[in-house]
Amino acid sequence: MKRLLIASILLLTVSFVFSQKATLKEYTKNDGVTAVTIPKNMLSLFPKNSNITYGGINVAEFVDKLSDVNVFASRKDDVASKLIKDATEYMKIGGYDNLVSMKTEKEETINFYIKTTDEYISELVLIVQRQSKESAVMQLMGKFTMEDIQEMIASAGK
């Protein structure tokens, strides 16, 4: 009986986590959302000296450390608000650590979240909310060091 209860709880937890993982991907189907997914093989085509900037971060500087990039953005008030709410909730449930929150000179609120392994940072999520209600979520997946993340944060605040 105990095993059945433990197995049921584990199964519910796993299914809940996987259903949450799909939350952001669901935005690829929403009207009013621009969704971009860039897999590793496409990332390898970007020249390292290019200027691919998002949220003040020059992504090209870290392209060799990336395995996948997902960007979800919206300019529609209701969709943008839901995107930010869902992404923030996903960070809480998914075991992400809030690394830093900041307001920029451009009146943007930026939140950095990381997911770590024992050896490296496997994911950086950047949630940007602008005063104009234009909002975006950017997931950078790969193998990063804390120094990489510090460089990203420093450049994003400019």
N, C-alpha and C. Protein backbone atom coordinates (compact mmCIF):
# COMPACT_ATOMS: atom_id res chain seq x y z
N MET A 1 0.82 -1.19 0.00
CA MET A 1 0.00 0.00 0.00
C MET A 1 0.86 1.26 0.00
N LYS A 2 1.92 1.23 0.82
CA LYS A 2 2.84 2.36 0.87
C LYS A 2 3.51 2.59 -0.48
N ARG A 3 3.91 1.49 -1.11
CA ARG A 3 4.56 1.60 -2.42
C ARG A 3 3.64 2.21 -3.45
N LEU A 4 2.39 1.79 -3.42
CA LEU A 4 1.41 2.32 -4.36
C LEU A 4 1.21 3.82 -4.15
N LEU A 5 1.13 4.24 -2.90
CA LEU A 5 0.97 5.65 -2.59
C LEU A 5 2.18 6.45 -3.05
N ILE A 6 3.37 5.96 -2.76
CA ILE A 6 4.60 6.65 -3.17
C ILE A 6 4.70 6.69 -4.69
N ALA A 7 4.39 5.59 -5.35
CA ALA A 7 4.44 5.55 -6.81
C ALA A 7 3.43 6.52 -7.41
N SER A 8 2.24 6.60 -6.83
CA SER A 8 1.22 7.53 -7.32
C SER A 8 1.67 8.98 -7.18
N ILE A 9 2.24 9.31 -6.02
CA ILE A 9 2.72 10.67 -5.80
C ILE A 9 3.84 11.01 -6.78
N LEU A 10 4.77 10.08 -6.96
CA LEU A 10 5.87 10.29 -7.89
C LEU A 10 5.35 10.48 -9.31
N LEU A 11 4.41 9.66 -9.73
CA LEU A 11 3.84 9.76 -11.06
C LEU A 11 3.13 11.09 -11.26
N LEU A 12 2.37 11.53 -10.27
CA LEU A 12 1.69 12.82 -10.37
C LEU A 12 2.69 13.97 -10.44
N THR A 13 3.74 13.88 -9.64
CA THR A 13 4.76 14.93 -9.65
C THR A 13 5.45 15.00 -11.01
N VAL A 14 5.85 13.86 -11.53
CA VAL A 14 6.52 13.82 -12.83
C VAL A 14 5.60 14.34 -13.93
N SER A 15 4.35 13.92 -13.94
CA SER A 15 3.44 14.37 -14.98
C SER A 15 3.16 15.87 -14.85
N PHE A 16 3.12 16.38 -13.60
CA PHE A 16 2.93 17.82 -13.40
C PHE A 16 4.11 18.61 -13.93
N VAL A 17 5.31 18.14 -13.65
CA VAL A 17 6.52 18.82 -14.12
C VAL A 17 6.57 18.81 -15.64
N PHE A 18 6.27 17.66 -16.27
CA PHE A 18 6.31 17.60 -17.73
C PHE A 18 5.20 18.44 -18.35
N SER A 19 4.05 18.53 -17.70
CA SER A 19 2.99 19.38 -18.25
C SER A 19 3.40 20.84 -18.15
N GLN A 20 4.13 21.22 -17.09
CA GLN A 20 4.62 22.58 -16.97
C GLN A 20 5.69 22.86 -18.01
N LYS A 21 6.53 21.88 -18.33
CA LYS A 21 7.59 22.06 -19.31
C LYS A 21 7.01 22.44 -20.66
N ALA A 22 5.82 21.93 -20.97
CA ALA A 22 5.18 22.23 -22.24
C ALA A 22 4.57 23.63 -22.25
N THR A 23 4.43 24.26 -21.10
CA THR A 23 3.75 25.55 -21.00
C THR A 23 4.33 26.59 -21.94
N LEU A 24 5.62 26.80 -21.92
CA LEU A 24 6.21 27.82 -22.78
C LEU A 24 6.15 27.42 -24.25
N LYS A 25 6.34 26.15 -24.55
CA LYS A 25 6.26 25.69 -25.94
C LYS A 25 4.87 25.89 -26.52
N GLU A 26 3.85 25.89 -25.66
CA GLU A 26 2.48 26.11 -26.13
C GLU A 26 2.31 27.49 -26.75
N TYR A 27 3.19 28.42 -26.38
CA TYR A 27 3.09 29.77 -26.92
C TYR A 27 3.44 29.83 -28.41
N THR A 28 4.04 28.78 -28.95
CA THR A 28 4.32 28.75 -30.39
C THR A 28 3.03 28.72 -31.20
N LYS A 29 1.95 28.30 -30.57
CA LYS A 29 0.66 28.17 -31.26
C LYS A 29 -0.25 29.37 -31.03
N ASN A 30 0.13 30.29 -30.16
CA ASN A 30 -0.74 31.41 -29.80
C ASN A 30 -0.66 32.55 -30.80
N ASP A 31 -1.82 33.15 -31.08
CA ASP A 31 -1.85 34.39 -31.85
C ASP A 31 -1.26 35.49 -30.99
N GLY A 32 -0.52 36.38 -31.59
CA GLY A 32 0.05 37.49 -30.85
C GLY A 32 1.38 37.18 -30.22
N VAL A 33 1.93 35.99 -30.48
CA VAL A 33 3.23 35.61 -29.94
C VAL A 33 4.17 35.29 -31.09
N THR A 34 5.34 35.90 -31.03
CA THR A 34 6.39 35.53 -31.96
C THR A 34 7.26 34.51 -31.24
N ALA A 35 7.38 33.33 -31.81
CA ALA A 35 8.17 32.26 -31.19
C ALA A 35 9.28 31.84 -32.14
N VAL A 36 10.49 31.80 -31.60
CA VAL A 36 11.65 31.40 -32.39
C VAL A 36 12.40 30.33 -31.63
N THR A 37 12.70 29.24 -32.31
CA THR A 37 13.53 28.18 -31.74
C THR A 37 14.73 28.00 -32.65
N ILE A 38 15.91 28.05 -32.05
CA ILE A 38 17.14 27.89 -32.83
C ILE A 38 17.91 26.70 -32.24
N PRO A 39 17.96 25.58 -32.97
CA PRO A 39 18.71 24.42 -32.48
C PRO A 39 20.22 24.58 -32.67
N LYS A 40 20.97 23.71 -32.05
CA LYS A 40 22.44 23.79 -32.05
C LYS A 40 23.02 23.81 -33.47
N ASN A 41 22.49 22.98 -34.36
CA ASN A 41 23.07 22.95 -35.71
C ASN A 41 22.90 24.28 -36.44
N MET A 42 21.83 25.00 -36.14
CA MET A 42 21.65 26.33 -36.73
C MET A 42 22.55 27.36 -36.03
N LEU A 43 22.70 27.22 -34.72
CA LEU A 43 23.56 28.13 -33.96
C LEU A 43 25.00 28.07 -34.45
N SER A 44 25.43 26.90 -34.88
CA SER A 44 26.81 26.74 -35.34
C SER A 44 27.09 27.55 -36.61
N LEU A 45 26.06 28.00 -37.30
CA LEU A 45 26.23 28.79 -38.52
C LEU A 45 26.46 30.28 -38.23
N PHE A 46 26.16 30.73 -37.01
CA PHE A 46 26.34 32.14 -36.66
C PHE A 46 27.82 32.43 -36.48
N PRO A 47 28.34 33.47 -37.12
CA PRO A 47 29.74 33.84 -36.90
C PRO A 47 29.91 34.42 -35.49
N LYS A 48 31.00 34.08 -34.85
CA LYS A 48 31.25 34.52 -33.48
C LYS A 48 31.38 36.04 -33.37
N ASN A 49 31.81 36.70 -34.42
CA ASN A 49 31.99 38.15 -34.37
C ASN A 49 30.73 38.93 -34.78
N SER A 50 29.60 38.25 -34.97
CA SER A 50 28.36 38.94 -35.33
C SER A 50 27.77 39.62 -34.10
N ASN A 51 26.82 40.49 -34.32
CA ASN A 51 26.21 41.23 -33.23
C ASN A 51 24.74 40.84 -33.12
N ILE A 52 24.47 39.73 -32.47
CA ILE A 52 23.11 39.25 -32.26
C ILE A 52 22.76 39.61 -30.82
N THR A 53 22.01 40.69 -30.65
CA THR A 53 21.75 41.22 -29.32
C THR A 53 20.28 41.07 -28.97
N TYR A 54 20.05 40.63 -27.72
CA TYR A 54 18.70 40.59 -27.19
C TYR A 54 18.77 40.96 -25.71
N GLY A 55 17.95 41.91 -25.30
CA GLY A 55 17.95 42.34 -23.90
C GLY A 55 19.30 42.86 -23.46
N GLY A 56 20.07 43.41 -24.42
CA GLY A 56 21.39 43.92 -24.10
C GLY A 56 22.48 42.87 -24.11
N ILE A 57 22.12 41.62 -24.33
CA ILE A 57 23.10 40.53 -24.33
C ILE A 57 23.50 40.21 -25.75
N ASN A 58 24.79 40.21 -26.05
CA ASN A 58 25.27 39.79 -27.35
C ASN A 58 25.40 38.28 -27.33
N VAL A 59 24.39 37.61 -27.83
CA VAL A 59 24.31 36.15 -27.79
C VAL A 59 25.44 35.51 -28.59
N ALA A 60 25.92 36.20 -29.62
CA ALA A 60 26.98 35.65 -30.46
C ALA A 60 28.25 35.35 -29.68
N GLU A 61 28.49 36.10 -28.60
CA GLU A 61 29.68 35.86 -27.78
C GLU A 61 29.66 34.50 -27.09
N PHE A 62 28.48 33.93 -26.94
CA PHE A 62 28.32 32.67 -26.21
C PHE A 62 27.82 31.54 -27.10
N VAL A 63 27.84 31.76 -28.41
CA VAL A 63 27.23 30.80 -29.34
C VAL A 63 27.88 29.41 -29.27
N ASP A 64 29.17 29.36 -28.97
CA ASP A 64 29.84 28.06 -28.90
C ASP A 64 29.46 27.28 -27.65
N LYS A 65 28.82 27.92 -26.69
CA LYS A 65 28.40 27.26 -25.45
C LYS A 65 26.92 26.90 -25.46
N LEU A 66 26.21 27.31 -26.50
CA LEU A 66 24.76 27.09 -26.58
C LEU A 66 24.42 25.77 -27.24
N SER A 67 23.35 25.14 -26.76
CA SER A 67 22.82 23.96 -27.41
C SER A 67 21.44 24.21 -28.00
N ASP A 68 20.76 25.25 -27.52
CA ASP A 68 19.41 25.54 -27.99
C ASP A 68 19.02 26.93 -27.50
N VAL A 69 18.24 27.64 -28.30
CA VAL A 69 17.71 28.94 -27.90
C VAL A 69 16.23 28.98 -28.25
N ASN A 70 15.42 29.41 -27.29
CA ASN A 70 13.98 29.62 -27.52
C ASN A 70 13.66 31.05 -27.12
N VAL A 71 12.91 31.74 -27.98
CA VAL A 71 12.48 33.10 -27.70
C VAL A 71 10.98 33.18 -27.93
N PHE A 72 10.27 33.74 -26.95
CA PHE A 72 8.84 33.97 -27.05
C PHE A 72 8.60 35.44 -26.74
N ALA A 73 7.94 36.16 -27.64
CA ALA A 73 7.73 37.59 -27.43
C ALA A 73 6.32 37.98 -27.87
N SER A 74 5.77 38.99 -27.19
CA SER A 74 4.45 39.48 -27.54
C SER A 74 4.34 40.96 -27.25
N ARG A 75 3.58 41.66 -28.08
CA ARG A 75 3.30 43.08 -27.87
C ARG A 75 1.85 43.31 -27.44
N LYS A 76 1.06 42.25 -27.43
CA LYS A 76 -0.35 42.37 -27.03
C LYS A 76 -0.43 42.31 -25.51
N ASP A 77 -1.09 43.31 -24.91
CA ASP A 77 -1.16 43.42 -23.45
C ASP A 77 -1.53 42.12 -22.75
N ASP A 78 -2.67 41.55 -23.12
CA ASP A 78 -3.15 40.37 -22.41
C ASP A 78 -2.26 39.16 -22.63
N VAL A 79 -1.79 38.98 -23.85
CA VAL A 79 -0.93 37.84 -24.16
C VAL A 79 0.43 38.00 -23.49
N ALA A 80 0.99 39.22 -23.53
CA ALA A 80 2.29 39.48 -22.92
C ALA A 80 2.23 39.27 -21.40
N SER A 81 1.16 39.74 -20.78
CA SER A 81 1.01 39.56 -19.33
C SER A 81 0.93 38.08 -18.96
N LYS A 82 0.19 37.32 -19.75
CA LYS A 82 0.06 35.87 -19.48
C LYS A 82 1.39 35.16 -19.72
N LEU A 83 2.10 35.57 -20.75
CA LEU A 83 3.41 34.98 -21.05
C LEU A 83 4.35 35.17 -19.85
N ILE A 84 4.42 36.38 -19.33
CA ILE A 84 5.31 36.67 -18.19
C ILE A 84 4.86 35.90 -16.96
N LYS A 85 3.56 35.87 -16.72
CA LYS A 85 3.02 35.15 -15.55
C LYS A 85 3.35 33.67 -15.64
N ASP A 86 3.09 33.06 -16.79
CA ASP A 86 3.35 31.63 -16.98
C ASP A 86 4.84 31.31 -16.88
N ALA A 87 5.67 32.14 -17.49
CA ALA A 87 7.11 31.90 -17.45
C ALA A 87 7.64 32.01 -16.03
N THR A 88 7.17 33.00 -15.29
CA THR A 88 7.61 33.18 -13.91
C THR A 88 7.17 31.99 -13.05
N GLU A 89 5.96 31.53 -13.26
CA GLU A 89 5.46 30.36 -12.52
C GLU A 89 6.26 29.12 -12.88
N TYR A 90 6.58 28.97 -14.16
CA TYR A 90 7.40 27.84 -14.61
C TYR A 90 8.76 27.84 -13.93
N MET A 91 9.33 29.02 -13.73
CA MET A 91 10.63 29.11 -13.07
C MET A 91 10.54 28.60 -11.63
N LYS A 92 9.46 28.95 -10.94
CA LYS A 92 9.27 28.52 -9.55
C LYS A 92 9.10 27.00 -9.47
N ILE A 93 8.30 26.45 -10.33
CA ILE A 93 8.00 25.01 -10.30
C ILE A 93 9.16 24.18 -10.84
N GLY A 94 9.87 24.70 -11.83
CA GLY A 94 10.90 23.93 -12.53
C GLY A 94 12.25 23.84 -11.85
N GLY A 95 12.38 24.39 -10.66
CA GLY A 95 13.65 24.29 -9.94
C GLY A 95 14.71 25.28 -10.39
N TYR A 96 14.29 26.41 -10.90
CA TYR A 96 15.22 27.46 -11.32
C TYR A 96 15.53 28.37 -10.14
N ASP A 97 16.72 28.94 -10.15
CA ASP A 97 17.11 29.91 -9.13
C ASP A 97 17.05 31.30 -9.75
N ASN A 98 16.43 32.24 -9.03
CA ASN A 98 16.40 33.62 -9.50
C ASN A 98 17.75 34.24 -9.18
N LEU A 99 18.52 34.46 -10.21
CA LEU A 99 19.87 34.97 -10.05
C LEU A 99 19.89 36.46 -9.75
N VAL A 100 19.12 37.22 -10.53
CA VAL A 100 19.09 38.67 -10.33
C VAL A 100 17.83 39.24 -10.98
N SER A 101 17.34 40.32 -10.39
CA SER A 101 16.24 41.10 -10.95
C SER A 101 16.72 42.53 -11.06
N MET A 102 16.37 43.20 -12.15
CA MET A 102 16.83 44.59 -12.32
C MET A 102 15.86 45.37 -13.17
N LYS A 103 15.92 46.68 -13.00
CA LYS A 103 15.21 47.62 -13.87
C LYS A 103 16.29 48.37 -14.64
N THR A 104 16.10 48.48 -15.94
CA THR A 104 17.10 49.15 -16.77
C THR A 104 16.72 50.60 -17.02
N GLU A 105 17.64 51.32 -17.65
CA GLU A 105 17.39 52.71 -18.03
C GLU A 105 16.24 52.82 -19.03
N LYS A 106 15.98 51.77 -19.75
CA LYS A 106 14.91 51.75 -20.76
C LYS A 106 13.56 51.36 -20.16
N GLU A 107 13.46 51.37 -18.82
CA GLU A 107 12.22 51.03 -18.13
C GLU A 107 11.81 49.58 -18.36
N GLU A 108 12.78 48.71 -18.46
CA GLU A 108 12.53 47.28 -18.59
C GLU A 108 12.76 46.63 -17.23
N THR A 109 11.96 45.63 -16.93
CA THR A 109 12.22 44.78 -15.77
C THR A 109 12.78 43.49 -16.32
N ILE A 110 13.97 43.13 -15.86
CA ILE A 110 14.64 41.93 -16.36
C ILE A 110 14.91 41.00 -15.19
N ASN A 111 14.53 39.75 -15.35
CA ASN A 111 14.80 38.72 -14.36
C ASN A 111 15.62 37.62 -15.01
N PHE A 112 16.72 37.26 -14.36
CA PHE A 112 17.56 36.16 -14.81
C PHE A 112 17.33 34.97 -13.90
N TYR A 113 17.08 33.83 -14.50
CA TYR A 113 16.95 32.58 -13.76
C TYR A 113 17.96 31.60 -14.32
N ILE A 114 18.49 30.75 -13.46
CA ILE A 114 19.41 29.71 -13.93
C ILE A 114 18.99 28.36 -13.40
N LYS A 115 19.37 27.35 -14.16
CA LYS A 115 19.20 25.96 -13.74
C LYS A 115 20.60 25.35 -13.80
N THR A 116 20.99 24.71 -12.71
CA THR A 116 22.36 24.22 -12.62
C THR A 116 22.42 22.71 -12.49
N THR A 117 23.58 22.18 -12.85
CA THR A 117 23.95 20.81 -12.55
C THR A 117 25.09 20.90 -11.54
N ASP A 118 25.67 19.79 -11.18
CA ASP A 118 26.80 19.83 -10.26
C ASP A 118 28.01 20.52 -10.87
N GLU A 119 28.12 20.49 -12.19
CA GLU A 119 29.33 20.96 -12.86
C GLU A 119 29.20 22.30 -13.58
N TYR A 120 28.00 22.66 -14.02
CA TYR A 120 27.85 23.86 -14.83
C TYR A 120 26.41 24.37 -14.77
N ILE A 121 26.19 25.51 -15.38
CA ILE A 121 24.85 26.08 -15.51
C ILE A 121 24.30 25.58 -16.84
N SER A 122 23.19 24.86 -16.78
CA SER A 122 22.65 24.23 -17.99
C SER A 122 21.63 25.10 -18.72
N GLU A 123 21.09 26.08 -18.02
CA GLU A 123 20.07 26.91 -18.66
C GLU A 123 20.03 28.28 -18.01
N LEU A 124 19.88 29.28 -18.85
CA LEU A 124 19.67 30.65 -18.41
C LEU A 124 18.37 31.11 -19.04
N VAL A 125 17.49 31.64 -18.23
CA VAL A 125 16.23 32.16 -18.74
C VAL A 125 16.18 33.65 -18.42
N LEU A 126 15.90 34.41 -19.42
CA LEU A 126 15.82 35.86 -19.32
C LEU A 126 14.36 36.24 -19.56
N ILE A 127 13.74 36.87 -18.56
CA ILE A 127 12.35 37.32 -18.70
C ILE A 127 12.38 38.84 -18.70
N VAL A 128 11.91 39.43 -19.81
CA VAL A 128 11.95 40.88 -19.98
C VAL A 128 10.53 41.40 -20.11
N GLN A 129 10.22 42.37 -19.24
CA GLN A 129 8.91 43.02 -19.31
C GLN A 129 9.15 44.52 -19.47
N ARG A 130 8.56 45.08 -20.51
CA ARG A 130 8.73 46.50 -20.79
C ARG A 130 7.50 47.27 -20.34
N GLN A 131 7.66 48.57 -20.12
CA GLN A 131 6.54 49.43 -19.72
C GLN A 131 5.42 49.41 -20.76
N SER A 132 5.79 49.26 -22.01
CA SER A 132 4.80 49.25 -23.09
C SER A 132 4.03 47.95 -23.14
N LYS A 133 4.27 47.07 -22.17
CA LYS A 133 3.66 45.74 -22.07
C LYS A 133 4.21 44.77 -23.11
N GLU A 134 5.19 45.22 -23.88
CA GLU A 134 5.88 44.28 -24.75
C GLU A 134 6.76 43.42 -23.86
N SER A 135 6.64 42.14 -23.97
CA SER A 135 7.37 41.24 -23.08
C SER A 135 7.96 40.09 -23.87
N ALA A 136 8.99 39.49 -23.27
CA ALA A 136 9.65 38.38 -23.94
C ALA A 136 10.29 37.45 -22.92
N VAL A 137 10.42 36.21 -23.33
CA VAL A 137 11.12 35.19 -22.55
C VAL A 137 12.15 34.57 -23.47
N MET A 138 13.39 34.50 -22.99
CA MET A 138 14.46 33.91 -23.78
C MET A 138 15.13 32.81 -22.97
N GLN A 139 15.14 31.60 -23.51
CA GLN A 139 15.81 30.46 -22.87
C GLN A 139 17.09 30.18 -23.61
N LEU A 140 18.19 30.20 -22.89
CA LEU A 140 19.49 29.84 -23.45
C LEU A 140 19.92 28.55 -22.78
N MET A 141 20.02 27.48 -23.55
CA MET A 141 20.41 26.19 -23.00
C MET A 141 21.78 25.82 -23.51
N GLY A 142 22.59 25.25 -22.63
CA GLY A 142 23.94 24.86 -22.98
C GLY A 142 24.76 24.58 -21.75
N LYS A 143 26.05 24.88 -21.83
CA LYS A 143 26.97 24.71 -20.70
C LYS A 143 27.67 26.03 -20.46
N PHE A 144 27.26 26.70 -19.36
CA PHE A 144 27.80 28.01 -19.03
C PHE A 144 28.52 27.96 -17.69
N THR A 145 29.47 28.88 -17.53
CA THR A 145 30.12 29.07 -16.23
C THR A 145 29.49 30.29 -15.58
N MET A 146 29.77 30.47 -14.32
CA MET A 146 29.26 31.66 -13.63
C MET A 146 29.86 32.93 -14.23
N GLU A 147 31.09 32.86 -14.73
CA GLU A 147 31.70 34.02 -15.37
C GLU A 147 30.94 34.41 -16.64
N ASP A 148 30.48 33.42 -17.40
CA ASP A 148 29.67 33.71 -18.59
C ASP A 148 28.40 34.46 -18.20
N ILE A 149 27.76 33.98 -17.15
CA ILE A 149 26.51 34.59 -16.70
C ILE A 149 26.77 36.01 -16.20
N GLN A 150 27.88 36.22 -15.50
CA GLN A 150 28.21 37.56 -15.01
C GLN A 150 28.40 38.53 -16.17
N GLU A 151 29.04 38.09 -17.25
CA GLU A 151 29.22 38.93 -18.44
C GLU A 151 27.87 39.28 -19.06
N MET A 152 26.97 38.29 -19.13
CA MET A 152 25.66 38.53 -19.69
C MET A 152 24.89 39.56 -18.88
N ILE A 153 24.91 39.40 -17.56
CA ILE A 153 24.19 40.32 -16.68
C ILE A 153 24.76 41.73 -16.78
N ALA A 154 26.06 41.84 -16.81
CA ALA A 154 26.72 43.15 -16.92
C ALA A 154 26.32 43.85 -18.21
N SER A 155 26.27 43.12 -19.31
CA SER A 155 25.92 43.74 -20.59
C SER A 155 24.43 44.04 -20.69
N ALA A 156 23.58 43.28 -20.00
CA ALA A 156 22.15 43.51 -20.07
C ALA A 156 21.72 44.78 -19.34
N GLY A 157 22.45 45.16 -18.33
CA GLY A 157 22.09 46.35 -17.56
C GLY A 157 22.43 47.66 -18.25
N LYS A 158 23.11 47.60 -19.37
CA LYS A 158 23.55 48.83 -20.07
C LYS A 158 22.47 49.39 -20.94
